[in-house]
Amino acid sequence: MNLFVHVLFVFAISASAAAAAEQCRFIEARAEREACYQRQEAARTVRQKAQETLEAQQAAQQKPYEPMSPEDAELARSMRGICRGC
């Protein structure tokens, strides 16, 4: 559910940003057009940071820390001795 909300939020922002990109091109006054582009850049930066945070949270959830047990270490040592460079 939480992931769905985040995806929906990102989609809503990207859709509004795409519409805003079209509007900035048609502003004739240079100062207003530049301000519009700066607002878009700030929104894009916020969107990228939110996406990076979401990806980091997903990566942390997908990779739990599992220490190698002594039995796993012994098996790994024995497997290394069986085949070298096959």
N, C-alpha and C. Protein backbone atom coordinates (compact mmCIF):
# COMPACT_ATOMS: atom_id res chain seq x y z
N MET A 1 0.82 -1.19 0.00
CA MET A 1 0.00 0.00 0.00
C MET A 1 0.87 1.25 0.00
N ASN A 2 1.88 1.25 0.86
CA ASN A 2 2.76 2.41 0.96
C ASN A 2 3.53 2.62 -0.35
N LEU A 3 3.95 1.52 -0.97
CA LEU A 3 4.65 1.61 -2.25
C LEU A 3 3.73 2.19 -3.32
N PHE A 4 2.48 1.75 -3.31
CA PHE A 4 1.51 2.25 -4.27
C PHE A 4 1.32 3.75 -4.14
N VAL A 5 1.27 4.24 -2.92
CA VAL A 5 1.11 5.68 -2.67
C VAL A 5 2.32 6.44 -3.21
N HIS A 6 3.53 5.90 -2.98
CA HIS A 6 4.74 6.57 -3.48
C HIS A 6 4.75 6.60 -5.01
N VAL A 7 4.41 5.48 -5.62
CA VAL A 7 4.40 5.42 -7.09
C VAL A 7 3.37 6.39 -7.65
N LEU A 8 2.21 6.42 -7.03
CA LEU A 8 1.16 7.33 -7.48
C LEU A 8 1.61 8.79 -7.34
N PHE A 9 2.28 9.10 -6.23
CA PHE A 9 2.78 10.46 -5.99
C PHE A 9 3.81 10.85 -7.05
N VAL A 10 4.75 9.96 -7.34
CA VAL A 10 5.78 10.25 -8.34
C VAL A 10 5.14 10.42 -9.71
N PHE A 11 4.16 9.60 -10.03
CA PHE A 11 3.48 9.71 -11.31
C PHE A 11 2.74 11.04 -11.43
N ALA A 12 2.09 11.45 -10.36
CA ALA A 12 1.36 12.72 -10.38
C ALA A 12 2.31 13.89 -10.57
N ILE A 13 3.44 13.85 -9.89
CA ILE A 13 4.43 14.93 -10.03
C ILE A 13 5.01 14.94 -11.44
N SER A 14 5.32 13.76 -11.98
CA SER A 14 5.92 13.71 -13.31
C SER A 14 4.93 14.19 -14.37
N ALA A 15 3.67 13.88 -14.20
CA ALA A 15 2.67 14.33 -15.17
C ALA A 15 2.53 15.85 -15.13
N SER A 16 2.51 16.42 -13.93
CA SER A 16 2.39 17.87 -13.83
C SER A 16 3.67 18.55 -14.32
N ALA A 17 4.82 17.92 -14.10
CA ALA A 17 6.08 18.49 -14.57
C ALA A 17 6.15 18.47 -16.10
N ALA A 18 5.63 17.43 -16.70
CA ALA A 18 5.61 17.36 -18.16
C ALA A 18 4.73 18.46 -18.74
N ALA A 19 3.60 18.71 -18.10
CA ALA A 19 2.72 19.78 -18.56
C ALA A 19 3.37 21.13 -18.35
N ALA A 20 4.07 21.30 -17.25
CA ALA A 20 4.73 22.58 -16.97
C ALA A 20 5.87 22.83 -17.94
N ALA A 21 6.54 21.80 -18.40
CA ALA A 21 7.64 21.95 -19.34
C ALA A 21 7.14 22.57 -20.64
N GLU A 22 5.96 22.17 -21.05
CA GLU A 22 5.39 22.72 -22.27
C GLU A 22 5.01 24.19 -22.09
N GLN A 23 4.61 24.59 -20.91
CA GLN A 23 4.17 25.95 -20.69
C GLN A 23 5.34 26.93 -20.65
N CYS A 24 6.47 26.52 -20.14
CA CYS A 24 7.61 27.44 -20.03
C CYS A 24 8.11 27.89 -21.40
N ARG A 25 8.04 27.02 -22.36
CA ARG A 25 8.54 27.39 -23.69
C ARG A 25 7.78 28.56 -24.30
N PHE A 26 6.52 28.70 -23.94
CA PHE A 26 5.69 29.70 -24.58
C PHE A 26 5.65 31.03 -23.85
N ILE A 27 6.37 31.15 -22.74
CA ILE A 27 6.43 32.42 -22.01
C ILE A 27 7.40 33.34 -22.76
N GLU A 28 6.94 34.49 -23.15
CA GLU A 28 7.75 35.38 -23.97
C GLU A 28 8.74 36.20 -23.16
N ALA A 29 8.34 36.65 -21.98
CA ALA A 29 9.24 37.46 -21.15
C ALA A 29 10.37 36.57 -20.64
N ARG A 30 11.59 37.00 -20.91
CA ARG A 30 12.74 36.18 -20.58
C ARG A 30 12.87 35.91 -19.08
N ALA A 31 12.65 36.91 -18.26
CA ALA A 31 12.80 36.74 -16.81
C ALA A 31 11.78 35.74 -16.27
N GLU A 32 10.55 35.83 -16.76
CA GLU A 32 9.52 34.90 -16.31
C GLU A 32 9.80 33.48 -16.81
N ARG A 33 10.29 33.37 -18.04
CA ARG A 33 10.62 32.06 -18.60
C ARG A 33 11.76 31.41 -17.82
N GLU A 34 12.79 32.19 -17.50
CA GLU A 34 13.92 31.66 -16.72
C GLU A 34 13.46 31.24 -15.33
N ALA A 35 12.57 32.03 -14.71
CA ALA A 35 12.04 31.67 -13.39
C ALA A 35 11.25 30.36 -13.47
N CYS A 36 10.51 30.21 -14.54
CA CYS A 36 9.75 28.98 -14.74
C CYS A 36 10.70 27.78 -14.85
N TYR A 37 11.76 27.92 -15.62
CA TYR A 37 12.74 26.83 -15.75
C TYR A 37 13.42 26.53 -14.42
N GLN A 38 13.69 27.56 -13.63
CA GLN A 38 14.31 27.33 -12.32
C GLN A 38 13.36 26.58 -11.39
N ARG A 39 12.07 26.91 -11.44
CA ARG A 39 11.09 26.18 -10.62
C ARG A 39 11.02 24.72 -11.05
N GLN A 40 11.09 24.49 -12.36
CA GLN A 40 11.07 23.12 -12.86
C GLN A 40 12.31 22.36 -12.39
N GLU A 41 13.45 23.00 -12.43
CA GLU A 41 14.70 22.37 -11.99
C GLU A 41 14.63 22.01 -10.50
N ALA A 42 14.09 22.90 -9.70
CA ALA A 42 13.95 22.62 -8.26
C ALA A 42 13.00 21.45 -8.04
N ALA A 43 11.91 21.42 -8.77
CA ALA A 43 10.95 20.32 -8.63
C ALA A 43 11.57 19.00 -9.08
N ARG A 44 12.37 19.05 -10.15
CA ARG A 44 13.03 17.84 -10.64
C ARG A 44 14.02 17.32 -9.62
N THR A 45 14.75 18.21 -8.98
CA THR A 45 15.73 17.82 -7.96
C THR A 45 15.03 17.15 -6.78
N VAL A 46 13.92 17.73 -6.33
CA VAL A 46 13.15 17.14 -5.23
C VAL A 46 12.64 15.76 -5.63
N ARG A 47 12.14 15.65 -6.85
CA ARG A 47 11.62 14.38 -7.35
C ARG A 47 12.71 13.32 -7.40
N GLN A 48 13.91 13.69 -7.87
CA GLN A 48 15.01 12.73 -7.94
C GLN A 48 15.44 12.28 -6.54
N LYS A 49 15.50 13.21 -5.60
CA LYS A 49 15.87 12.83 -4.23
C LYS A 49 14.84 11.89 -3.63
N ALA A 50 13.56 12.15 -3.88
CA ALA A 50 12.51 11.27 -3.37
C ALA A 50 12.64 9.88 -3.98
N GLN A 51 12.93 9.83 -5.27
CA GLN A 51 13.10 8.55 -5.96
C GLN A 51 14.31 7.80 -5.41
N GLU A 52 15.42 8.50 -5.18
CA GLU A 52 16.61 7.87 -4.63
C GLU A 52 16.35 7.33 -3.23
N THR A 53 15.61 8.09 -2.43
CA THR A 53 15.27 7.65 -1.08
C THR A 53 14.41 6.40 -1.14
N LEU A 54 13.44 6.39 -2.04
CA LEU A 54 12.57 5.23 -2.20
C LEU A 54 13.36 4.01 -2.63
N GLU A 55 14.28 4.19 -3.58
CA GLU A 55 15.10 3.08 -4.05
C GLU A 55 16.02 2.57 -2.95
N ALA A 56 16.55 3.46 -2.14
CA ALA A 56 17.42 3.05 -1.03
C ALA A 56 16.63 2.25 0.00
N GLN A 57 15.40 2.67 0.27
CA GLN A 57 14.55 1.94 1.22
C GLN A 57 14.22 0.56 0.68
N GLN A 58 13.93 0.47 -0.60
CA GLN A 58 13.62 -0.83 -1.20
C GLN A 58 14.83 -1.74 -1.18
N ALA A 59 16.01 -1.20 -1.46
CA ALA A 59 17.22 -2.00 -1.45
C ALA A 59 17.53 -2.50 -0.05
N ALA A 60 17.29 -1.67 0.95
CA ALA A 60 17.53 -2.08 2.33
C ALA A 60 16.56 -3.18 2.75
N GLN A 61 15.35 -3.13 2.26
CA GLN A 61 14.37 -4.14 2.60
C GLN A 61 14.64 -5.46 1.88
N GLN A 62 15.21 -5.40 0.70
CA GLN A 62 15.43 -6.60 -0.09
C GLN A 62 16.68 -7.37 0.33
N LYS A 63 17.62 -6.73 0.98
CA LYS A 63 18.88 -7.37 1.31
C LYS A 63 19.09 -7.41 2.82
N PRO A 64 18.45 -8.32 3.50
CA PRO A 64 18.69 -8.40 4.94
C PRO A 64 20.08 -8.96 5.21
N TYR A 65 20.63 -8.57 6.31
CA TYR A 65 21.97 -9.03 6.68
C TYR A 65 21.86 -10.45 7.24
N GLU A 66 22.56 -11.38 6.60
CA GLU A 66 22.59 -12.75 7.07
C GLU A 66 24.06 -13.16 7.20
N PRO A 67 24.55 -13.25 8.42
CA PRO A 67 25.94 -13.62 8.60
C PRO A 67 26.18 -15.07 8.18
N MET A 68 27.38 -15.33 7.69
CA MET A 68 27.73 -16.67 7.25
C MET A 68 27.95 -17.56 8.47
N SER A 69 27.27 -18.68 8.48
CA SER A 69 27.43 -19.59 9.60
C SER A 69 28.73 -20.38 9.44
N PRO A 70 29.25 -20.94 10.50
CA PRO A 70 30.47 -21.76 10.39
C PRO A 70 30.31 -22.93 9.42
N GLU A 71 29.10 -23.50 9.36
CA GLU A 71 28.86 -24.60 8.42
C GLU A 71 28.97 -24.12 6.98
N ASP A 72 28.43 -22.91 6.68
CA ASP A 72 28.53 -22.35 5.34
C ASP A 72 29.98 -22.07 4.97
N ALA A 73 30.75 -21.57 5.91
CA ALA A 73 32.16 -21.29 5.66
C ALA A 73 32.91 -22.58 5.36
N GLU A 74 32.62 -23.64 6.11
CA GLU A 74 33.28 -24.94 5.88
C GLU A 74 32.91 -25.49 4.50
N LEU A 75 31.65 -25.38 4.12
CA LEU A 75 31.21 -25.84 2.80
C LEU A 75 31.90 -25.05 1.70
N ALA A 76 32.03 -23.75 1.87
CA ALA A 76 32.70 -22.92 0.87
C ALA A 76 34.15 -23.32 0.72
N ARG A 77 34.84 -23.60 1.83
CA ARG A 77 36.23 -24.04 1.75
C ARG A 77 36.35 -25.38 1.05
N SER A 78 35.44 -26.29 1.33
CA SER A 78 35.51 -27.60 0.69
C SER A 78 35.20 -27.51 -0.81
N MET A 79 34.30 -26.64 -1.19
CA MET A 79 33.95 -26.48 -2.61
C MET A 79 35.10 -25.86 -3.39
N ARG A 80 35.85 -24.96 -2.77
CA ARG A 80 37.00 -24.37 -3.43
C ARG A 80 38.06 -25.42 -3.73
N GLY A 81 38.18 -26.43 -2.89
CA GLY A 81 39.17 -27.46 -3.09
C GLY A 81 38.80 -28.45 -4.17
N ILE A 82 37.51 -28.56 -4.52
CA ILE A 82 37.06 -29.55 -5.50
C ILE A 82 37.40 -29.11 -6.92
N CYS A 83 37.11 -27.91 -7.27
CA CYS A 83 37.24 -27.49 -8.67
C CYS A 83 37.90 -26.11 -8.71
N ARG A 84 39.00 -26.04 -9.42
CA ARG A 84 39.67 -24.75 -9.59
C ARG A 84 39.71 -24.41 -11.08
N GLY A 85 38.97 -23.40 -11.45
CA GLY A 85 39.02 -22.91 -12.83
C GLY A 85 38.22 -23.71 -13.82
N CYS A 86 37.24 -24.48 -13.39
CA CYS A 86 36.43 -25.26 -14.33
C CYS A 86 35.56 -24.34 -15.14
